[in-house]
Amino acid sequence: MKRLHGARGTPEYTAWRSMITRCNPKYVHRRDNKYYAGRGVTVCAAWQNDFLQFLKDVGPRPSSNYSLDRWPDNHGNYEPGNVRWATKRQQMLNMSNNRVVCFRGRELPVTAAIRLAASGLHTQTVLSRLKLGWDVERAVTEPPRHLVHHSGWDVSNG
């Protein structure tokens, strides 16, 4: 295993080791294995035993606010062209359970479309509307209807 002298304690080395471990099928006892090796996610051969090659391809971590992320294909493998250093926010938008929609000419996760529309809607409201067959523009921008309590009292905030 090729290592850079003194690299063992660096954040890049730690990220590399964690990536290797997550994708190793022999670690089936690990809680997160079902999201990586259990789903068939692998590490490319060039990085398997070569930290220096990984570091050359991915580069140093920009700051402590970044961690390793598979992108642009979150379902893909750890390999050159599909790995980046990302912030927590970037990683949240890249999660496999995000619903991506075409909103105003851009492919965006629903949460980003809601922010762009500045509608203040809850993500679950928009997802429910989409499931009911609403078009994206309407689902993301239409204000919610007033909620009326079963007794007839208006319980909405406005």
N, C-alpha and C. Protein backbone atom coordinates (compact mmCIF):
# COMPACT_ATOMS: atom_id res chain seq x y z
N MET A 1 0.84 -1.17 0.00
CA MET A 1 0.00 0.00 0.00
C MET A 1 0.89 1.24 0.00
N LYS A 2 0.76 2.07 -1.02
CA LYS A 2 1.60 3.26 -1.14
C LYS A 2 1.05 4.37 -0.26
N ARG A 3 1.90 4.92 0.58
CA ARG A 3 1.49 6.02 1.46
C ARG A 3 2.50 7.14 1.36
N LEU A 4 2.00 8.34 1.50
CA LEU A 4 2.86 9.50 1.58
C LEU A 4 3.37 9.57 3.00
N HIS A 5 4.68 9.80 3.17
CA HIS A 5 5.25 9.87 4.51
C HIS A 5 4.47 10.88 5.34
N GLY A 6 4.00 10.47 6.49
CA GLY A 6 3.26 11.36 7.38
C GLY A 6 1.81 11.56 6.99
N ALA A 7 1.34 10.91 5.94
CA ALA A 7 -0.04 11.11 5.47
C ALA A 7 -1.07 10.45 6.35
N ARG A 8 -0.65 9.48 7.13
CA ARG A 8 -1.59 8.68 7.89
C ARG A 8 -2.55 9.50 8.75
N GLY A 9 -2.14 10.60 9.30
CA GLY A 9 -3.01 11.39 10.15
C GLY A 9 -3.74 12.52 9.43
N THR A 10 -3.59 12.61 8.12
CA THR A 10 -4.22 13.71 7.38
C THR A 10 -5.69 13.42 7.11
N PRO A 11 -6.49 14.46 6.92
CA PRO A 11 -7.91 14.25 6.59
C PRO A 11 -8.09 13.51 5.27
N GLU A 12 -7.20 13.74 4.32
CA GLU A 12 -7.29 13.06 3.03
C GLU A 12 -7.06 11.55 3.20
N TYR A 13 -6.07 11.21 4.01
CA TYR A 13 -5.79 9.79 4.25
C TYR A 13 -6.96 9.13 4.98
N THR A 14 -7.51 9.82 5.96
CA THR A 14 -8.66 9.30 6.71
C THR A 14 -9.85 9.08 5.78
N ALA A 15 -10.10 10.03 4.89
CA ALA A 15 -11.20 9.88 3.93
C ALA A 15 -10.96 8.70 3.00
N TRP A 16 -9.71 8.55 2.55
CA TRP A 16 -9.37 7.44 1.66
C TRP A 16 -9.58 6.10 2.36
N ARG A 17 -9.07 5.97 3.59
CA ARG A 17 -9.23 4.71 4.34
C ARG A 17 -10.71 4.40 4.57
N SER A 18 -11.49 5.43 4.93
CA SER A 18 -12.92 5.22 5.16
C SER A 18 -13.62 4.76 3.89
N MET A 19 -13.26 5.35 2.76
CA MET A 19 -13.83 4.97 1.47
C MET A 19 -13.52 3.49 1.18
N ILE A 20 -12.27 3.10 1.38
CA ILE A 20 -11.86 1.71 1.14
C ILE A 20 -12.65 0.76 2.04
N THR A 21 -12.79 1.11 3.30
CA THR A 21 -13.50 0.25 4.25
C THR A 21 -14.99 0.15 3.92
N ARG A 22 -15.63 1.28 3.61
CA ARG A 22 -17.07 1.28 3.29
C ARG A 22 -17.39 0.39 2.11
N CYS A 23 -16.46 0.31 1.17
CA CYS A 23 -16.73 -0.43 -0.07
C CYS A 23 -16.18 -1.84 -0.06
N ASN A 24 -15.68 -2.30 1.07
CA ASN A 24 -15.12 -3.64 1.18
C ASN A 24 -16.22 -4.61 1.64
N PRO A 25 -16.60 -5.57 0.80
CA PRO A 25 -17.69 -6.48 1.15
C PRO A 25 -17.44 -7.30 2.41
N LYS A 26 -16.19 -7.44 2.83
CA LYS A 26 -15.94 -8.25 4.03
C LYS A 26 -16.37 -7.53 5.32
N TYR A 27 -16.66 -6.23 5.22
CA TYR A 27 -17.11 -5.48 6.40
C TYR A 27 -18.63 -5.42 6.45
N VAL A 28 -19.28 -6.56 6.24
CA VAL A 28 -20.75 -6.60 6.21
C VAL A 28 -21.38 -6.23 7.55
N HIS A 29 -20.63 -6.34 8.62
CA HIS A 29 -21.15 -6.02 9.95
C HIS A 29 -21.30 -4.52 10.16
N ARG A 30 -20.65 -3.72 9.31
CA ARG A 30 -20.73 -2.26 9.47
C ARG A 30 -22.14 -1.78 9.15
N ARG A 31 -22.62 -0.86 9.94
CA ARG A 31 -23.97 -0.32 9.79
C ARG A 31 -24.18 0.33 8.42
N ASP A 32 -23.16 1.01 7.89
CA ASP A 32 -23.31 1.72 6.62
C ASP A 32 -23.00 0.87 5.39
N ASN A 33 -22.68 -0.42 5.58
CA ASN A 33 -22.32 -1.29 4.46
C ASN A 33 -23.43 -1.38 3.42
N LYS A 34 -24.69 -1.36 3.85
CA LYS A 34 -25.79 -1.50 2.89
C LYS A 34 -25.86 -0.35 1.91
N TYR A 35 -25.25 0.78 2.24
CA TYR A 35 -25.26 1.94 1.35
C TYR A 35 -24.07 1.96 0.40
N TYR A 36 -23.10 1.11 0.62
CA TYR A 36 -21.88 1.12 -0.18
C TYR A 36 -21.64 -0.26 -0.77
N ALA A 37 -20.82 -1.08 -0.14
CA ALA A 37 -20.53 -2.41 -0.68
C ALA A 37 -21.81 -3.22 -0.86
N GLY A 38 -22.74 -3.07 0.05
CA GLY A 38 -24.01 -3.80 -0.04
C GLY A 38 -24.84 -3.41 -1.25
N ARG A 39 -24.59 -2.23 -1.80
CA ARG A 39 -25.26 -1.75 -3.02
C ARG A 39 -24.41 -1.96 -4.25
N GLY A 40 -23.22 -2.51 -4.06
CA GLY A 40 -22.33 -2.76 -5.18
C GLY A 40 -21.38 -1.62 -5.50
N VAL A 41 -21.30 -0.61 -4.62
CA VAL A 41 -20.39 0.51 -4.84
C VAL A 41 -18.96 0.03 -4.59
N THR A 42 -18.08 0.34 -5.52
CA THR A 42 -16.69 -0.10 -5.43
C THR A 42 -15.74 1.09 -5.52
N VAL A 43 -14.48 0.81 -5.26
CA VAL A 43 -13.40 1.79 -5.43
C VAL A 43 -12.60 1.33 -6.63
N CYS A 44 -12.26 2.26 -7.52
CA CYS A 44 -11.51 1.90 -8.72
C CYS A 44 -10.18 1.24 -8.35
N ALA A 45 -9.69 0.41 -9.24
CA ALA A 45 -8.46 -0.34 -9.00
C ALA A 45 -7.28 0.59 -8.72
N ALA A 46 -7.24 1.74 -9.39
CA ALA A 46 -6.11 2.67 -9.22
C ALA A 46 -6.02 3.21 -7.80
N TRP A 47 -7.14 3.26 -7.09
CA TRP A 47 -7.15 3.81 -5.73
C TRP A 47 -7.15 2.75 -4.64
N GLN A 48 -7.45 1.51 -5.00
CA GLN A 48 -7.59 0.44 -4.02
C GLN A 48 -6.43 0.38 -3.03
N ASN A 49 -5.22 0.40 -3.53
CA ASN A 49 -4.04 0.26 -2.69
C ASN A 49 -3.06 1.40 -2.86
N ASP A 50 -3.53 2.53 -3.39
CA ASP A 50 -2.60 3.62 -3.70
C ASP A 50 -3.16 4.97 -3.27
N PHE A 51 -2.86 5.33 -2.04
CA PHE A 51 -3.31 6.62 -1.51
C PHE A 51 -2.77 7.78 -2.34
N LEU A 52 -1.52 7.70 -2.78
CA LEU A 52 -0.92 8.79 -3.56
C LEU A 52 -1.69 9.04 -4.86
N GLN A 53 -2.13 7.96 -5.52
CA GLN A 53 -2.90 8.13 -6.75
C GLN A 53 -4.25 8.78 -6.44
N PHE A 54 -4.89 8.35 -5.36
CA PHE A 54 -6.15 8.96 -4.92
C PHE A 54 -5.95 10.46 -4.69
N LEU A 55 -4.91 10.81 -3.96
CA LEU A 55 -4.64 12.22 -3.64
C LEU A 55 -4.34 13.02 -4.91
N LYS A 56 -3.61 12.41 -5.84
CA LYS A 56 -3.31 13.08 -7.10
C LYS A 56 -4.59 13.36 -7.89
N ASP A 57 -5.50 12.39 -7.91
CA ASP A 57 -6.74 12.53 -8.68
C ASP A 57 -7.76 13.45 -8.02
N VAL A 58 -7.86 13.39 -6.71
CA VAL A 58 -8.91 14.14 -5.99
C VAL A 58 -8.40 15.48 -5.47
N GLY A 59 -7.12 15.54 -5.14
CA GLY A 59 -6.55 16.77 -4.62
C GLY A 59 -6.75 16.91 -3.12
N PRO A 60 -6.12 17.91 -2.53
CA PRO A 60 -6.26 18.09 -1.09
C PRO A 60 -7.65 18.60 -0.71
N ARG A 61 -8.07 18.28 0.48
CA ARG A 61 -9.36 18.76 0.98
C ARG A 61 -9.26 20.28 1.17
N PRO A 62 -10.23 21.05 0.63
CA PRO A 62 -10.15 22.51 0.71
C PRO A 62 -10.16 23.06 2.14
N SER A 63 -10.95 22.47 3.02
CA SER A 63 -11.00 22.89 4.42
C SER A 63 -11.74 21.82 5.20
N SER A 64 -11.84 22.02 6.50
CA SER A 64 -12.53 21.03 7.34
C SER A 64 -14.03 21.01 7.09
N ASN A 65 -14.55 21.92 6.29
CA ASN A 65 -15.98 21.94 5.96
C ASN A 65 -16.32 20.98 4.82
N TYR A 66 -15.33 20.26 4.31
CA TYR A 66 -15.53 19.38 3.16
C TYR A 66 -15.27 17.92 3.52
N SER A 67 -16.02 17.05 2.85
CA SER A 67 -15.78 15.62 2.96
C SER A 67 -15.98 14.98 1.58
N LEU A 68 -15.61 13.72 1.46
CA LEU A 68 -15.64 13.03 0.17
C LEU A 68 -17.08 12.74 -0.25
N ASP A 69 -17.36 12.95 -1.54
CA ASP A 69 -18.70 12.77 -2.08
C ASP A 69 -18.61 12.15 -3.46
N ARG A 70 -19.50 11.20 -3.76
CA ARG A 70 -19.58 10.65 -5.12
C ARG A 70 -20.49 11.57 -5.93
N TRP A 71 -19.91 12.19 -6.94
CA TRP A 71 -20.64 13.16 -7.75
C TRP A 71 -19.97 13.28 -9.11
N PRO A 72 -20.68 13.36 -10.19
CA PRO A 72 -22.09 13.68 -10.31
C PRO A 72 -23.04 12.50 -10.19
N ASP A 73 -22.54 11.27 -10.12
CA ASP A 73 -23.40 10.10 -10.04
C ASP A 73 -23.33 9.48 -8.64
N ASN A 74 -24.28 9.83 -7.79
CA ASN A 74 -24.30 9.32 -6.43
C ASN A 74 -24.48 7.80 -6.38
N HIS A 75 -24.96 7.22 -7.46
CA HIS A 75 -25.12 5.76 -7.51
C HIS A 75 -23.87 5.09 -8.09
N GLY A 76 -22.92 5.89 -8.54
CA GLY A 76 -21.71 5.35 -9.17
C GLY A 76 -20.65 4.96 -8.17
N ASN A 77 -19.52 4.58 -8.69
CA ASN A 77 -18.40 4.12 -7.88
C ASN A 77 -17.47 5.27 -7.51
N TYR A 78 -16.57 4.99 -6.59
CA TYR A 78 -15.50 5.93 -6.27
C TYR A 78 -14.44 5.76 -7.34
N GLU A 79 -14.32 6.74 -8.21
CA GLU A 79 -13.38 6.69 -9.32
C GLU A 79 -13.13 8.10 -9.83
N PRO A 80 -12.04 8.30 -10.56
CA PRO A 80 -11.78 9.64 -11.11
C PRO A 80 -12.98 10.13 -11.93
N GLY A 81 -13.33 11.38 -11.74
CA GLY A 81 -14.47 11.95 -12.46
C GLY A 81 -15.78 11.78 -11.73
N ASN A 82 -15.81 11.00 -10.66
CA ASN A 82 -17.05 10.81 -9.91
C ASN A 82 -16.85 11.03 -8.41
N VAL A 83 -15.81 11.76 -8.06
CA VAL A 83 -15.53 12.04 -6.65
C VAL A 83 -15.13 13.50 -6.52
N ARG A 84 -15.60 14.13 -5.47
CA ARG A 84 -15.26 15.52 -5.20
C ARG A 84 -15.22 15.74 -3.70
N TRP A 85 -14.61 16.84 -3.29
CA TRP A 85 -14.72 17.31 -1.92
C TRP A 85 -15.96 18.20 -1.90
N ALA A 86 -16.90 17.94 -0.99
CA ALA A 86 -18.17 18.66 -0.98
C ALA A 86 -18.53 19.10 0.44
N THR A 87 -19.28 20.18 0.50
CA THR A 87 -19.80 20.66 1.78
C THR A 87 -20.99 19.78 2.18
N LYS A 88 -21.42 19.89 3.42
CA LYS A 88 -22.60 19.13 3.87
C LYS A 88 -23.82 19.47 3.04
N ARG A 89 -23.98 20.73 2.70
CA ARG A 89 -25.11 21.16 1.89
C ARG A 89 -25.07 20.52 0.50
N GLN A 90 -23.90 20.52 -0.13
CA GLN A 90 -23.76 19.87 -1.44
C GLN A 90 -24.08 18.39 -1.35
N GLN A 91 -23.62 17.76 -0.29
CA GLN A 91 -23.89 16.33 -0.13
C GLN A 91 -25.37 16.05 0.11
N MET A 92 -26.02 16.90 0.86
CA MET A 92 -27.46 16.72 1.10
C MET A 92 -28.23 16.81 -0.22
N LEU A 93 -27.84 17.72 -1.09
CA LEU A 93 -28.51 17.85 -2.38
C LEU A 93 -28.20 16.67 -3.30
N ASN A 94 -27.13 15.96 -3.02
CA ASN A 94 -26.70 14.84 -3.86
C ASN A 94 -27.18 13.49 -3.32
N MET A 95 -28.00 13.48 -2.31
CA MET A 95 -28.45 12.22 -1.71
C MET A 95 -29.33 11.45 -2.69
N SER A 96 -29.26 10.15 -2.61
CA SER A 96 -29.99 9.30 -3.55
C SER A 96 -31.50 9.37 -3.36
N ASN A 97 -31.97 9.86 -2.21
CA ASN A 97 -33.41 9.95 -2.01
C ASN A 97 -33.99 11.30 -2.44
N ASN A 98 -33.16 12.16 -3.05
CA ASN A 98 -33.64 13.43 -3.56
C ASN A 98 -34.43 13.21 -4.84
N ARG A 99 -35.51 13.96 -4.98
CA ARG A 99 -36.28 13.94 -6.23
C ARG A 99 -35.79 15.11 -7.07
N VAL A 100 -35.32 14.85 -8.27
CA VAL A 100 -34.84 15.89 -9.17
C VAL A 100 -35.95 16.24 -10.14
N VAL A 101 -36.17 17.55 -10.34
CA VAL A 101 -37.21 18.02 -11.25
C VAL A 101 -36.62 19.05 -12.21
N CYS A 102 -37.30 19.27 -13.32
CA CYS A 102 -36.92 20.33 -14.25
C CYS A 102 -37.77 21.55 -13.90
N PHE A 103 -37.14 22.56 -13.33
CA PHE A 103 -37.85 23.76 -12.89
C PHE A 103 -37.18 24.98 -13.51
N ARG A 104 -37.97 25.70 -14.30
CA ARG A 104 -37.48 26.91 -14.98
C ARG A 104 -36.20 26.63 -15.79
N GLY A 105 -36.24 25.50 -16.49
CA GLY A 105 -35.16 25.15 -17.40
C GLY A 105 -33.93 24.54 -16.77
N ARG A 106 -34.00 24.23 -15.47
CA ARG A 106 -32.83 23.66 -14.78
C ARG A 106 -33.21 22.37 -14.08
N GLU A 107 -32.31 21.39 -14.11
CA GLU A 107 -32.49 20.15 -13.35
C GLU A 107 -32.06 20.43 -11.92
N LEU A 108 -33.00 20.32 -10.97
CA LEU A 108 -32.73 20.66 -9.58
C LEU A 108 -33.41 19.67 -8.64
N PRO A 109 -32.82 19.45 -7.46
CA PRO A 109 -33.56 18.73 -6.43
C PRO A 109 -34.77 19.57 -6.02
N VAL A 110 -35.81 18.93 -5.57
CA VAL A 110 -37.03 19.64 -5.17
C VAL A 110 -36.71 20.75 -4.17
N THR A 111 -35.84 20.48 -3.22
CA THR A 111 -35.52 21.50 -2.21
C THR A 111 -34.92 22.75 -2.84
N ALA A 112 -34.09 22.57 -3.87
CA ALA A 112 -33.48 23.72 -4.55
C ALA A 112 -34.53 24.47 -5.37
N ALA A 113 -35.47 23.74 -5.98
CA ALA A 113 -36.54 24.39 -6.74
C ALA A 113 -37.42 25.24 -5.82
N ILE A 114 -37.70 24.74 -4.64
CA ILE A 114 -38.50 25.49 -3.66
C ILE A 114 -37.77 26.77 -3.28
N ARG A 115 -36.47 26.67 -3.04
CA ARG A 115 -35.68 27.87 -2.70
C ARG A 115 -35.68 28.86 -3.85
N LEU A 116 -35.50 28.37 -5.08
CA LEU A 116 -35.49 29.24 -6.25
C LEU A 116 -36.83 29.95 -6.42
N ALA A 117 -37.91 29.25 -6.18
CA ALA A 117 -39.25 29.84 -6.30
C ALA A 117 -39.56 30.78 -5.14
N ALA A 118 -38.82 30.66 -4.06
CA ALA A 118 -39.04 31.45 -2.84
C ALA A 118 -40.48 31.32 -2.36
N SER A 119 -41.03 30.12 -2.48
CA SER A 119 -42.43 29.89 -2.11
C SER A 119 -42.59 29.56 -0.63
N GLY A 120 -41.52 29.11 0.00
CA GLY A 120 -41.60 28.77 1.42
C GLY A 120 -42.36 27.49 1.70
N LEU A 121 -42.66 26.73 0.66
CA LEU A 121 -43.41 25.49 0.85
C LEU A 121 -42.54 24.42 1.51
N HIS A 122 -43.17 23.50 2.18
CA HIS A 122 -42.47 22.36 2.76
C HIS A 122 -42.17 21.36 1.64
N THR A 123 -41.04 20.73 1.72
CA THR A 123 -40.64 19.75 0.72
C THR A 123 -41.70 18.66 0.57
N GLN A 124 -42.23 18.18 1.69
CA GLN A 124 -43.21 17.10 1.63
C GLN A 124 -44.49 17.54 0.90
N THR A 125 -44.87 18.81 1.04
CA THR A 125 -46.04 19.33 0.33
C THR A 125 -45.81 19.22 -1.18
N VAL A 126 -44.65 19.67 -1.63
CA VAL A 126 -44.34 19.64 -3.06
C VAL A 126 -44.25 18.19 -3.56
N LEU A 127 -43.59 17.32 -2.79
CA LEU A 127 -43.49 15.92 -3.20
C LEU A 127 -44.87 15.27 -3.31
N SER A 128 -45.75 15.58 -2.38
CA SER A 128 -47.12 15.05 -2.42
C SER A 128 -47.85 15.55 -3.66
N ARG A 129 -47.69 16.83 -3.96
CA ARG A 129 -48.33 17.39 -5.15
C ARG A 129 -47.82 16.72 -6.42
N LEU A 130 -46.52 16.50 -6.50
CA LEU A 130 -45.96 15.84 -7.67
C LEU A 130 -46.48 14.43 -7.81
N LYS A 131 -46.62 13.75 -6.69
CA LYS A 131 -47.15 12.38 -6.70
C LYS A 131 -48.59 12.35 -7.20
N LEU A 132 -49.33 13.44 -6.92
CA LEU A 132 -50.71 13.55 -7.38
C LEU A 132 -50.80 13.94 -8.86
N GLY A 133 -49.66 14.23 -9.48
CA GLY A 133 -49.64 14.54 -10.89
C GLY A 133 -49.59 16.01 -11.24
N TRP A 134 -49.37 16.87 -10.25
CA TRP A 134 -49.26 18.30 -10.53
C TRP A 134 -48.03 18.54 -11.40
N ASP A 135 -48.09 19.58 -12.26
CA ASP A 135 -46.88 19.94 -13.00
C ASP A 135 -45.94 20.64 -12.02
N VAL A 136 -44.66 20.62 -12.33
CA VAL A 136 -43.62 21.08 -11.41
C VAL A 136 -43.81 22.55 -11.04
N GLU A 137 -44.05 23.41 -12.01
CA GLU A 137 -44.20 24.85 -11.74
C GLU A 137 -45.31 25.09 -10.71
N ARG A 138 -46.44 24.48 -10.93
CA ARG A 138 -47.57 24.66 -10.01
C ARG A 138 -47.27 24.06 -8.64
N ALA A 139 -46.67 22.86 -8.62
CA ALA A 139 -46.39 22.19 -7.35
C ALA A 139 -45.43 22.99 -6.48
N VAL A 140 -44.50 23.69 -7.11
CA VAL A 140 -43.46 24.42 -6.37
C VAL A 140 -43.89 25.84 -6.00
N THR A 141 -44.84 26.41 -6.74
CA THR A 141 -45.16 27.83 -6.53
C THR A 141 -46.53 28.11 -5.93
N GLU A 142 -47.49 27.23 -6.12
CA GLU A 142 -48.86 27.53 -5.65
C GLU A 142 -48.93 27.53 -4.13
N PRO A 143 -49.45 28.61 -3.54
CA PRO A 143 -49.57 28.65 -2.08
C PRO A 143 -50.51 27.56 -1.58
N PRO A 144 -50.28 27.09 -0.37
CA PRO A 144 -51.17 26.05 0.16
C PRO A 144 -52.56 26.61 0.43
N ARG A 145 -53.54 25.72 0.34
CA ARG A 145 -54.91 26.11 0.67
C ARG A 145 -55.02 26.28 2.17
N HIS A 146 -56.00 27.09 2.57
CA HIS A 146 -56.25 27.26 4.00
C HIS A 146 -56.72 25.94 4.59
N LEU A 147 -56.24 25.64 5.75
CA LEU A 147 -56.66 24.43 6.44
C LEU A 147 -57.86 24.76 7.30
N VAL A 148 -58.89 23.97 7.19
CA VAL A 148 -60.08 24.20 8.00
C VAL A 148 -60.26 23.01 8.92
N HIS A 149 -60.31 23.30 10.22
CA HIS A 149 -60.49 22.27 11.24
C HIS A 149 -61.85 21.63 11.05
N HIS A 150 -62.01 20.38 11.43
CA HIS A 150 -63.28 19.67 11.21
C HIS A 150 -64.45 20.36 11.89
N SER A 151 -64.22 21.20 12.89
CA SER A 151 -65.30 21.91 13.57
C SER A 151 -65.75 23.13 12.75
N GLY A 152 -65.01 23.45 11.68
CA GLY A 152 -65.37 24.60 10.87
C GLY A 152 -64.53 25.82 11.15
N TRP A 153 -63.71 25.76 12.21
CA TRP A 153 -62.84 26.90 12.54
C TRP A 153 -61.65 26.92 11.60
N ASP A 154 -61.30 28.12 11.12
CA ASP A 154 -60.13 28.27 10.26
C ASP A 154 -58.89 28.22 11.14
N VAL A 155 -58.04 27.21 10.95
CA VAL A 155 -56.85 27.06 11.78
C VAL A 155 -55.58 27.40 11.02
N SER A 156 -55.73 28.06 9.87
CA SER A 156 -54.53 28.43 9.11
C SER A 156 -53.90 29.68 9.68
N ASN A 157 -52.71 29.95 9.25
CA ASN A 157 -51.97 31.14 9.72
C ASN A 157 -52.13 32.27 8.73
N GLY A 158 -53.28 32.58 8.34
CA GLY A 158 -53.39 33.71 7.45
C GLY A 158 -54.51 33.53 6.51
